[in-house]
Amino acid sequence: MGEVDSQLAGRFGAGNPSALRRMVNSLVMRADPGGYEQRRRAKVAARVLEIRHGDHGSSTLFAELPPDRAQAIYTLCDQDARRLEQQGDQRTTDQLRVDSFAARCLGGEACGTPRAQIFVYIDLPALLWRCRTIPPNFRQELHLDPGCHRTCPRGANRRGA
């Protein structure tokens, strides 16, 4: 990495930290493309979504994901915010972006109260095997949905109903 060091010498005062990070990434990519690709793949494989609860009723949602997806999500939220600004919305652009992000993640419910979701997983075949007998009316009401490997009431769609 001496090649990268020599190219960076004397350039630290010229830019902000983001510009310096981009410059270092670009130089490393050119100096060691194989190593850069290996680290890029490892970083993509290590993608993560975290929540950090703060004080005073705030939380930070942190997603580390590939840059094309991060940029696409940001761009969509920014476009939503700009459209709402043009329509006269008085919130700040940052508030509009965050509210757009929440609305997109919650299916359009960002301004309302988030709906509680409770998931109960039951190994129905094992449960029924333990019961040994299944009442006929219960047998008629259930069928196994092979696409999602769960038991659904007859007539329900794959997402539940």
N, C-alpha and C. Protein backbone atom coordinates (compact mmCIF):
# COMPACT_ATOMS: atom_id res chain seq x y z
N MET A 1 0.81 -1.20 0.00
CA MET A 1 0.00 0.00 0.00
C MET A 1 0.85 1.26 0.00
N GLY A 2 2.15 1.11 -0.17
CA GLY A 2 3.02 2.28 -0.26
C GLY A 2 2.65 3.16 -1.44
N GLU A 3 2.15 2.52 -2.51
CA GLU A 3 1.72 3.26 -3.70
C GLU A 3 0.59 4.22 -3.35
N VAL A 4 -0.36 3.74 -2.57
CA VAL A 4 -1.50 4.58 -2.15
C VAL A 4 -1.01 5.70 -1.24
N ASP A 5 -0.11 5.36 -0.29
CA ASP A 5 0.42 6.37 0.62
C ASP A 5 1.12 7.49 -0.14
N SER A 6 1.93 7.12 -1.13
CA SER A 6 2.66 8.15 -1.88
C SER A 6 1.72 9.05 -2.68
N GLN A 7 0.62 8.49 -3.18
CA GLN A 7 -0.33 9.30 -3.95
C GLN A 7 -1.16 10.20 -3.04
N LEU A 8 -1.31 9.81 -1.77
CA LEU A 8 -2.09 10.61 -0.83
C LEU A 8 -1.28 11.72 -0.17
N ALA A 9 0.03 11.59 -0.21
CA ALA A 9 0.89 12.55 0.48
C ALA A 9 0.58 13.98 0.04
N GLY A 10 0.36 14.83 1.00
CA GLY A 10 0.10 16.24 0.72
C GLY A 10 -1.31 16.57 0.32
N ARG A 11 -2.22 15.61 0.27
CA ARG A 11 -3.59 15.87 -0.18
C ARG A 11 -4.59 15.96 0.97
N PHE A 12 -4.18 15.75 2.19
CA PHE A 12 -5.12 15.68 3.31
C PHE A 12 -5.82 17.00 3.59
N GLY A 13 -5.15 18.10 3.43
CA GLY A 13 -5.75 19.38 3.76
C GLY A 13 -6.75 19.88 2.72
N ALA A 14 -6.78 19.28 1.55
CA ALA A 14 -7.57 19.80 0.44
C ALA A 14 -9.05 19.45 0.50
N GLY A 15 -9.42 18.38 1.16
CA GLY A 15 -10.81 17.94 1.08
C GLY A 15 -11.42 17.63 2.43
N ASN A 16 -12.69 17.34 2.39
CA ASN A 16 -13.39 16.95 3.60
C ASN A 16 -13.23 15.44 3.80
N PRO A 17 -13.64 14.90 4.95
CA PRO A 17 -13.46 13.47 5.22
C PRO A 17 -14.13 12.57 4.18
N SER A 18 -15.31 12.93 3.70
CA SER A 18 -15.99 12.11 2.69
C SER A 18 -15.21 12.07 1.39
N ALA A 19 -14.67 13.21 0.98
CA ALA A 19 -13.88 13.26 -0.24
C ALA A 19 -12.60 12.45 -0.09
N LEU A 20 -11.97 12.53 1.08
CA LEU A 20 -10.76 11.76 1.33
C LEU A 20 -11.06 10.26 1.29
N ARG A 21 -12.18 9.84 1.90
CA ARG A 21 -12.57 8.43 1.89
C ARG A 21 -12.77 7.94 0.46
N ARG A 22 -13.46 8.74 -0.37
CA ARG A 22 -13.67 8.35 -1.76
C ARG A 22 -12.35 8.24 -2.52
N MET A 23 -11.44 9.19 -2.25
CA MET A 23 -10.14 9.19 -2.92
C MET A 23 -9.34 7.94 -2.51
N VAL A 24 -9.34 7.61 -1.22
CA VAL A 24 -8.60 6.44 -0.76
C VAL A 24 -9.19 5.17 -1.37
N ASN A 25 -10.51 5.06 -1.37
CA ASN A 25 -11.16 3.89 -1.98
C ASN A 25 -10.77 3.74 -3.44
N SER A 26 -10.79 4.83 -4.17
CA SER A 26 -10.46 4.80 -5.59
C SER A 26 -9.01 4.37 -5.80
N LEU A 27 -8.10 4.92 -5.00
CA LEU A 27 -6.69 4.56 -5.13
C LEU A 27 -6.45 3.09 -4.77
N VAL A 28 -7.08 2.61 -3.70
CA VAL A 28 -6.93 1.21 -3.29
C VAL A 28 -7.49 0.28 -4.36
N MET A 29 -8.62 0.67 -4.95
CA MET A 29 -9.23 -0.16 -5.99
C MET A 29 -8.29 -0.30 -7.18
N ARG A 30 -7.61 0.78 -7.55
CA ARG A 30 -6.68 0.71 -8.68
C ARG A 30 -5.39 -0.02 -8.32
N ALA A 31 -4.92 0.14 -7.08
CA ALA A 31 -3.66 -0.48 -6.67
C ALA A 31 -3.80 -1.99 -6.44
N ASP A 32 -4.96 -2.42 -5.94
CA ASP A 32 -5.16 -3.85 -5.61
C ASP A 32 -6.59 -4.26 -5.96
N PRO A 33 -6.91 -4.38 -7.26
CA PRO A 33 -8.29 -4.69 -7.64
C PRO A 33 -8.79 -6.03 -7.12
N GLY A 34 -7.94 -7.04 -7.06
CA GLY A 34 -8.36 -8.34 -6.55
C GLY A 34 -8.70 -8.29 -5.07
N GLY A 35 -7.84 -7.66 -4.30
CA GLY A 35 -8.09 -7.50 -2.86
C GLY A 35 -9.31 -6.65 -2.60
N TYR A 36 -9.46 -5.59 -3.38
CA TYR A 36 -10.63 -4.72 -3.23
C TYR A 36 -11.91 -5.51 -3.48
N GLU A 37 -11.94 -6.32 -4.53
CA GLU A 37 -13.13 -7.11 -4.86
C GLU A 37 -13.43 -8.13 -3.76
N GLN A 38 -12.39 -8.73 -3.22
CA GLN A 38 -12.58 -9.69 -2.13
C GLN A 38 -13.19 -9.00 -0.90
N ARG A 39 -12.70 -7.84 -0.55
CA ARG A 39 -13.24 -7.09 0.60
C ARG A 39 -14.66 -6.61 0.31
N ARG A 40 -14.92 -6.22 -0.94
CA ARG A 40 -16.27 -5.78 -1.31
C ARG A 40 -17.26 -6.91 -1.13
N ARG A 41 -16.91 -8.10 -1.61
CA ARG A 41 -17.80 -9.25 -1.47
C ARG A 41 -18.05 -9.60 -0.01
N ALA A 42 -17.01 -9.53 0.80
CA ALA A 42 -17.16 -9.83 2.23
C ALA A 42 -18.08 -8.80 2.89
N LYS A 43 -17.96 -7.56 2.50
CA LYS A 43 -18.80 -6.50 3.07
C LYS A 43 -20.26 -6.69 2.67
N VAL A 44 -20.52 -7.07 1.42
CA VAL A 44 -21.88 -7.33 0.96
C VAL A 44 -22.47 -8.52 1.72
N ALA A 45 -21.67 -9.55 1.93
CA ALA A 45 -22.14 -10.73 2.66
C ALA A 45 -22.44 -10.40 4.12
N ALA A 46 -21.78 -9.39 4.66
CA ALA A 46 -21.96 -9.01 6.06
C ALA A 46 -23.02 -7.93 6.25
N ARG A 47 -23.88 -7.73 5.26
CA ARG A 47 -24.90 -6.68 5.36
C ARG A 47 -25.74 -6.89 6.62
N VAL A 48 -26.22 -5.78 7.16
CA VAL A 48 -26.88 -5.85 8.46
C VAL A 48 -27.91 -4.72 8.60
N LEU A 49 -28.92 -4.99 9.37
CA LEU A 49 -29.91 -3.97 9.74
C LEU A 49 -29.96 -3.95 11.26
N GLU A 50 -29.72 -2.80 11.85
CA GLU A 50 -29.68 -2.67 13.30
C GLU A 50 -30.57 -1.52 13.75
N ILE A 51 -31.03 -1.63 14.96
CA ILE A 51 -31.76 -0.51 15.58
C ILE A 51 -31.00 -0.13 16.84
N ARG A 52 -30.84 1.15 17.01
CA ARG A 52 -30.17 1.69 18.20
C ARG A 52 -31.15 2.64 18.86
N HIS A 53 -31.65 2.23 20.01
CA HIS A 53 -32.60 3.07 20.73
C HIS A 53 -31.85 4.18 21.46
N GLY A 54 -32.31 5.39 21.22
CA GLY A 54 -31.68 6.54 21.84
C GLY A 54 -32.52 7.06 22.99
N ASP A 55 -32.24 8.28 23.36
CA ASP A 55 -33.00 8.89 24.44
C ASP A 55 -34.07 9.82 23.89
N HIS A 56 -34.96 10.23 24.74
CA HIS A 56 -36.02 11.18 24.39
C HIS A 56 -36.91 10.69 23.25
N GLY A 57 -37.18 9.39 23.22
CA GLY A 57 -38.13 8.85 22.25
C GLY A 57 -37.62 8.76 20.83
N SER A 58 -36.31 8.63 20.67
CA SER A 58 -35.78 8.50 19.31
C SER A 58 -34.99 7.20 19.18
N SER A 59 -34.90 6.73 17.97
CA SER A 59 -34.10 5.54 17.65
C SER A 59 -33.43 5.78 16.31
N THR A 60 -32.34 5.09 16.10
CA THR A 60 -31.63 5.16 14.83
C THR A 60 -31.71 3.79 14.18
N LEU A 61 -32.13 3.76 12.95
CA LEU A 61 -32.16 2.54 12.17
C LEU A 61 -30.96 2.59 11.25
N PHE A 62 -30.10 1.59 11.35
CA PHE A 62 -28.85 1.57 10.60
C PHE A 62 -28.84 0.37 9.68
N ALA A 63 -28.68 0.62 8.39
CA ALA A 63 -28.61 -0.46 7.42
C ALA A 63 -27.28 -0.35 6.68
N GLU A 64 -26.51 -1.42 6.72
CA GLU A 64 -25.30 -1.46 5.92
C GLU A 64 -25.59 -2.40 4.77
N LEU A 65 -25.63 -1.85 3.57
CA LEU A 65 -26.01 -2.60 2.39
C LEU A 65 -25.23 -2.12 1.18
N PRO A 66 -25.30 -2.83 0.06
CA PRO A 66 -24.55 -2.42 -1.12
C PRO A 66 -24.92 -0.99 -1.55
N PRO A 67 -23.95 -0.26 -2.07
CA PRO A 67 -24.18 1.15 -2.38
C PRO A 67 -25.28 1.40 -3.42
N ASP A 68 -25.46 0.51 -4.37
CA ASP A 68 -26.51 0.75 -5.37
C ASP A 68 -27.89 0.70 -4.72
N ARG A 69 -28.09 -0.20 -3.78
CA ARG A 69 -29.38 -0.28 -3.08
C ARG A 69 -29.57 0.88 -2.13
N ALA A 70 -28.51 1.24 -1.41
CA ALA A 70 -28.60 2.38 -0.50
C ALA A 70 -28.93 3.65 -1.27
N GLN A 71 -28.26 3.86 -2.41
CA GLN A 71 -28.52 5.05 -3.22
C GLN A 71 -29.93 5.04 -3.78
N ALA A 72 -30.41 3.88 -4.20
CA ALA A 72 -31.77 3.79 -4.74
C ALA A 72 -32.80 4.13 -3.67
N ILE A 73 -32.62 3.62 -2.47
CA ILE A 73 -33.56 3.92 -1.37
C ILE A 73 -33.53 5.41 -1.04
N TYR A 74 -32.33 5.97 -0.94
CA TYR A 74 -32.20 7.39 -0.63
C TYR A 74 -32.85 8.24 -1.72
N THR A 75 -32.59 7.89 -2.97
CA THR A 75 -33.14 8.66 -4.09
C THR A 75 -34.66 8.63 -4.09
N LEU A 76 -35.25 7.46 -3.84
CA LEU A 76 -36.71 7.38 -3.79
C LEU A 76 -37.27 8.27 -2.68
N CYS A 77 -36.65 8.21 -1.50
CA CYS A 77 -37.13 9.03 -0.38
C CYS A 77 -36.92 10.51 -0.66
N ASP A 78 -35.81 10.85 -1.30
CA ASP A 78 -35.55 12.25 -1.65
C ASP A 78 -36.55 12.76 -2.67
N GLN A 79 -36.88 11.93 -3.67
CA GLN A 79 -37.88 12.32 -4.67
C GLN A 79 -39.25 12.55 -4.01
N ASP A 80 -39.61 11.66 -3.08
CA ASP A 80 -40.86 11.85 -2.34
C ASP A 80 -40.84 13.18 -1.59
N ALA A 81 -39.72 13.46 -0.93
CA ALA A 81 -39.59 14.69 -0.14
C ALA A 81 -39.70 15.92 -1.03
N ARG A 82 -39.02 15.92 -2.15
CA ARG A 82 -39.05 17.07 -3.07
C ARG A 82 -40.46 17.30 -3.62
N ARG A 83 -41.15 16.20 -3.94
CA ARG A 83 -42.52 16.32 -4.44
C ARG A 83 -43.43 16.94 -3.38
N LEU A 84 -43.28 16.49 -2.13
CA LEU A 84 -44.11 17.04 -1.06
C LEU A 84 -43.77 18.50 -0.78
N GLU A 85 -42.49 18.86 -0.90
CA GLU A 85 -42.10 20.27 -0.75
C GLU A 85 -42.78 21.14 -1.81
N GLN A 86 -42.78 20.65 -3.05
CA GLN A 86 -43.41 21.40 -4.14
C GLN A 86 -44.91 21.54 -3.92
N GLN A 87 -45.49 20.59 -3.20
CA GLN A 87 -46.92 20.64 -2.91
C GLN A 87 -47.23 21.50 -1.68
N GLY A 88 -46.18 22.10 -1.10
CA GLY A 88 -46.38 23.02 0.00
C GLY A 88 -46.22 22.44 1.40
N ASP A 89 -45.73 21.22 1.51
CA ASP A 89 -45.52 20.62 2.84
C ASP A 89 -44.49 21.44 3.60
N GLN A 90 -44.76 21.76 4.86
CA GLN A 90 -43.91 22.65 5.65
C GLN A 90 -42.80 21.94 6.43
N ARG A 91 -42.79 20.61 6.43
CA ARG A 91 -41.72 19.90 7.14
C ARG A 91 -40.39 20.14 6.43
N THR A 92 -39.29 19.94 7.17
CA THR A 92 -37.97 20.08 6.55
C THR A 92 -37.75 18.93 5.57
N THR A 93 -36.79 19.12 4.68
CA THR A 93 -36.49 18.08 3.70
C THR A 93 -36.06 16.79 4.40
N ASP A 94 -35.25 16.92 5.45
CA ASP A 94 -34.84 15.72 6.19
C ASP A 94 -36.03 15.02 6.83
N GLN A 95 -36.95 15.78 7.41
CA GLN A 95 -38.14 15.18 8.00
C GLN A 95 -38.98 14.47 6.93
N LEU A 96 -39.09 15.09 5.77
CA LEU A 96 -39.85 14.47 4.69
C LEU A 96 -39.19 13.19 4.19
N ARG A 97 -37.86 13.19 4.10
CA ARG A 97 -37.15 11.98 3.67
C ARG A 97 -37.38 10.84 4.67
N VAL A 98 -37.23 11.15 5.96
CA VAL A 98 -37.40 10.12 6.99
C VAL A 98 -38.84 9.61 7.00
N ASP A 99 -39.80 10.51 6.90
CA ASP A 99 -41.21 10.10 6.88
C ASP A 99 -41.52 9.27 5.64
N SER A 100 -40.90 9.60 4.52
CA SER A 100 -41.07 8.81 3.30
C SER A 100 -40.49 7.42 3.49
N PHE A 101 -39.31 7.35 4.09
CA PHE A 101 -38.67 6.06 4.35
C PHE A 101 -39.56 5.19 5.23
N ALA A 102 -40.08 5.77 6.30
CA ALA A 102 -40.96 5.01 7.20
C ALA A 102 -42.23 4.58 6.47
N ALA A 103 -42.81 5.47 5.68
CA ALA A 103 -44.04 5.13 4.95
C ALA A 103 -43.79 3.99 3.97
N ARG A 104 -42.66 4.03 3.28
CA ARG A 104 -42.35 2.96 2.33
C ARG A 104 -42.12 1.63 3.05
N CYS A 105 -41.47 1.67 4.20
CA CYS A 105 -41.22 0.42 4.95
C CYS A 105 -42.49 -0.12 5.60
N LEU A 106 -43.37 0.78 6.03
CA LEU A 106 -44.58 0.36 6.73
C LEU A 106 -45.79 0.27 5.81
N GLY A 107 -45.57 0.35 4.53
CA GLY A 107 -46.68 0.22 3.59
C GLY A 107 -47.61 1.41 3.61
N GLY A 108 -47.06 2.61 3.76
CA GLY A 108 -47.87 3.83 3.71
C GLY A 108 -48.44 4.26 5.04
N GLU A 109 -47.97 3.68 6.15
CA GLU A 109 -48.55 3.98 7.45
C GLU A 109 -47.62 4.83 8.33
N ALA A 110 -46.77 5.65 7.75
CA ALA A 110 -45.77 6.36 8.54
C ALA A 110 -46.35 7.36 9.52
N CYS A 111 -47.43 8.01 9.17
CA CYS A 111 -47.97 9.05 10.04
C CYS A 111 -48.92 8.49 11.09
N GLY A 112 -49.41 7.29 10.88
CA GLY A 112 -50.30 6.68 11.84
C GLY A 112 -49.54 5.85 12.85
N THR A 113 -50.26 5.14 13.66
CA THR A 113 -49.64 4.26 14.63
C THR A 113 -49.26 2.96 13.95
N PRO A 114 -48.00 2.53 14.08
CA PRO A 114 -47.62 1.27 13.46
C PRO A 114 -48.46 0.12 14.00
N ARG A 115 -48.81 -0.76 13.14
CA ARG A 115 -49.64 -1.91 13.47
C ARG A 115 -48.76 -2.95 14.16
N ALA A 116 -49.24 -3.49 15.25
CA ALA A 116 -48.51 -4.55 15.94
C ALA A 116 -48.60 -5.83 15.10
N GLN A 117 -47.50 -6.51 14.99
CA GLN A 117 -47.48 -7.78 14.26
C GLN A 117 -46.91 -8.83 15.19
N ILE A 118 -47.65 -9.87 15.36
CA ILE A 118 -47.23 -10.97 16.22
C ILE A 118 -47.20 -12.23 15.36
N PHE A 119 -46.09 -12.92 15.39
CA PHE A 119 -45.94 -14.13 14.61
C PHE A 119 -45.81 -15.31 15.56
N VAL A 120 -46.63 -16.30 15.38
CA VAL A 120 -46.57 -17.52 16.17
C VAL A 120 -46.25 -18.65 15.22
N TYR A 121 -45.17 -19.34 15.48
CA TYR A 121 -44.76 -20.44 14.62
C TYR A 121 -45.07 -21.75 15.33
N ILE A 122 -45.81 -22.59 14.67
CA ILE A 122 -46.19 -23.88 15.22
C ILE A 122 -45.79 -24.95 14.21
N ASP A 123 -45.12 -25.96 14.71
CA ASP A 123 -44.79 -27.10 13.86
C ASP A 123 -46.03 -27.98 13.83
N LEU A 124 -46.96 -27.66 12.93
CA LEU A 124 -48.26 -28.33 12.90
C LEU A 124 -48.16 -29.82 12.66
N PRO A 125 -47.34 -30.30 11.72
CA PRO A 125 -47.25 -31.76 11.56
C PRO A 125 -46.82 -32.47 12.84
N ALA A 126 -45.85 -31.88 13.56
CA ALA A 126 -45.41 -32.51 14.81
C ALA A 126 -46.52 -32.44 15.86
N LEU A 127 -47.21 -31.31 15.92
CA LEU A 127 -48.30 -31.16 16.88
C LEU A 127 -49.41 -32.18 16.59
N LEU A 128 -49.77 -32.30 15.34
CA LEU A 128 -50.83 -33.24 14.97
C LEU A 128 -50.38 -34.69 15.19
N TRP A 129 -49.10 -34.95 14.96
CA TRP A 129 -48.59 -36.30 15.18
C TRP A 129 -48.72 -36.66 16.66
N ARG A 130 -48.45 -35.68 17.52
CA ARG A 130 -48.57 -35.93 18.96
C ARG A 130 -50.02 -36.17 19.36
N CYS A 131 -50.95 -35.50 18.68
CA CYS A 131 -52.37 -35.65 19.00
C CYS A 131 -52.91 -37.00 18.53
N ARG A 132 -52.26 -37.57 17.56
CA ARG A 132 -52.64 -38.86 16.98
C ARG A 132 -53.95 -38.83 16.20
N THR A 133 -54.95 -38.18 16.70
CA THR A 133 -56.22 -38.14 15.98
C THR A 133 -56.57 -36.69 15.68
N ILE A 134 -57.10 -36.49 14.50
CA ILE A 134 -57.51 -35.14 14.09
C ILE A 134 -59.01 -35.19 13.86
N PRO A 135 -59.76 -34.35 14.56
CA PRO A 135 -61.21 -34.35 14.33
C PRO A 135 -61.51 -34.05 12.87
N PRO A 136 -62.50 -34.72 12.27
CA PRO A 136 -62.80 -34.56 10.84
C PRO A 136 -63.08 -33.11 10.45
N ASN A 137 -63.80 -32.36 11.27
CA ASN A 137 -64.09 -30.97 10.89
C ASN A 137 -62.81 -30.13 10.87
N PHE A 138 -61.86 -30.40 11.77
CA PHE A 138 -60.60 -29.69 11.79
C PHE A 138 -59.77 -30.07 10.55
N ARG A 139 -59.77 -31.34 10.19
CA ARG A 139 -59.04 -31.83 9.03
C ARG A 139 -59.54 -31.15 7.76
N GLN A 140 -60.84 -30.93 7.66
CA GLN A 140 -61.41 -30.30 6.47
C GLN A 140 -61.07 -28.82 6.40
N GLU A 141 -60.89 -28.17 7.54
CA GLU A 141 -60.63 -26.72 7.57
C GLU A 141 -59.18 -26.36 7.26
N LEU A 142 -58.28 -27.32 7.37
CA LEU A 142 -56.86 -27.03 7.18
C LEU A 142 -56.31 -27.70 5.94
N HIS A 143 -55.35 -27.04 5.35
CA HIS A 143 -54.56 -27.68 4.31
C HIS A 143 -53.17 -27.09 4.38
N LEU A 144 -52.17 -27.82 3.94
CA LEU A 144 -50.81 -27.35 3.99
C LEU A 144 -50.50 -26.59 2.70
N ASP A 145 -50.05 -25.36 2.83
CA ASP A 145 -49.67 -24.55 1.68
C ASP A 145 -48.23 -24.91 1.33
N PRO A 146 -47.98 -25.65 0.24
CA PRO A 146 -46.63 -26.11 -0.07
C PRO A 146 -45.68 -24.97 -0.43
N GLY A 147 -46.20 -23.83 -0.86
CA GLY A 147 -45.34 -22.72 -1.24
C GLY A 147 -44.69 -22.03 -0.07
N CYS A 148 -45.35 -22.02 1.06
CA CYS A 148 -44.77 -21.30 2.19
C CYS A 148 -44.59 -22.21 3.40
N HIS A 149 -44.89 -23.46 3.27
CA HIS A 149 -44.68 -24.45 4.33
C HIS A 149 -45.37 -24.06 5.63
N ARG A 150 -46.59 -23.66 5.52
CA ARG A 150 -47.37 -23.36 6.70
C ARG A 150 -48.80 -23.81 6.47
N THR A 151 -49.51 -23.94 7.53
CA THR A 151 -50.89 -24.37 7.42
C THR A 151 -51.77 -23.12 7.35
N CYS A 152 -52.69 -23.13 6.40
CA CYS A 152 -53.57 -21.99 6.20
C CYS A 152 -55.01 -22.49 6.22
N PRO A 153 -55.94 -21.68 6.74
CA PRO A 153 -57.35 -22.06 6.61
C PRO A 153 -57.69 -22.20 5.14
N ARG A 154 -58.53 -23.14 4.81
CA ARG A 154 -58.93 -23.36 3.42
C ARG A 154 -59.49 -22.05 2.86
N GLY A 155 -59.02 -21.70 1.70
CA GLY A 155 -59.51 -20.50 1.02
C GLY A 155 -58.66 -19.26 1.32
N ALA A 156 -57.75 -19.34 2.29
CA ALA A 156 -56.92 -18.17 2.60
C ALA A 156 -55.83 -18.05 1.54
N ASN A 157 -55.38 -16.82 1.31
CA ASN A 157 -54.30 -16.66 0.34
C ASN A 157 -52.97 -16.94 1.03
N ARG A 158 -51.89 -16.92 0.25
CA ARG A 158 -50.58 -17.30 0.77
C ARG A 158 -50.06 -16.32 1.82
N ARG A 159 -50.53 -15.12 1.87
CA ARG A 159 -50.06 -14.15 2.85
C ARG A 159 -50.94 -14.15 4.09
N GLY A 160 -51.87 -15.04 4.15
CA GLY A 160 -52.76 -15.11 5.30
C GLY A 160 -54.00 -14.27 5.05
N ALA A 161 -55.03 -14.50 5.78
CA ALA A 161 -56.25 -13.71 5.67
C ALA A 161 -57.13 -14.01 6.85
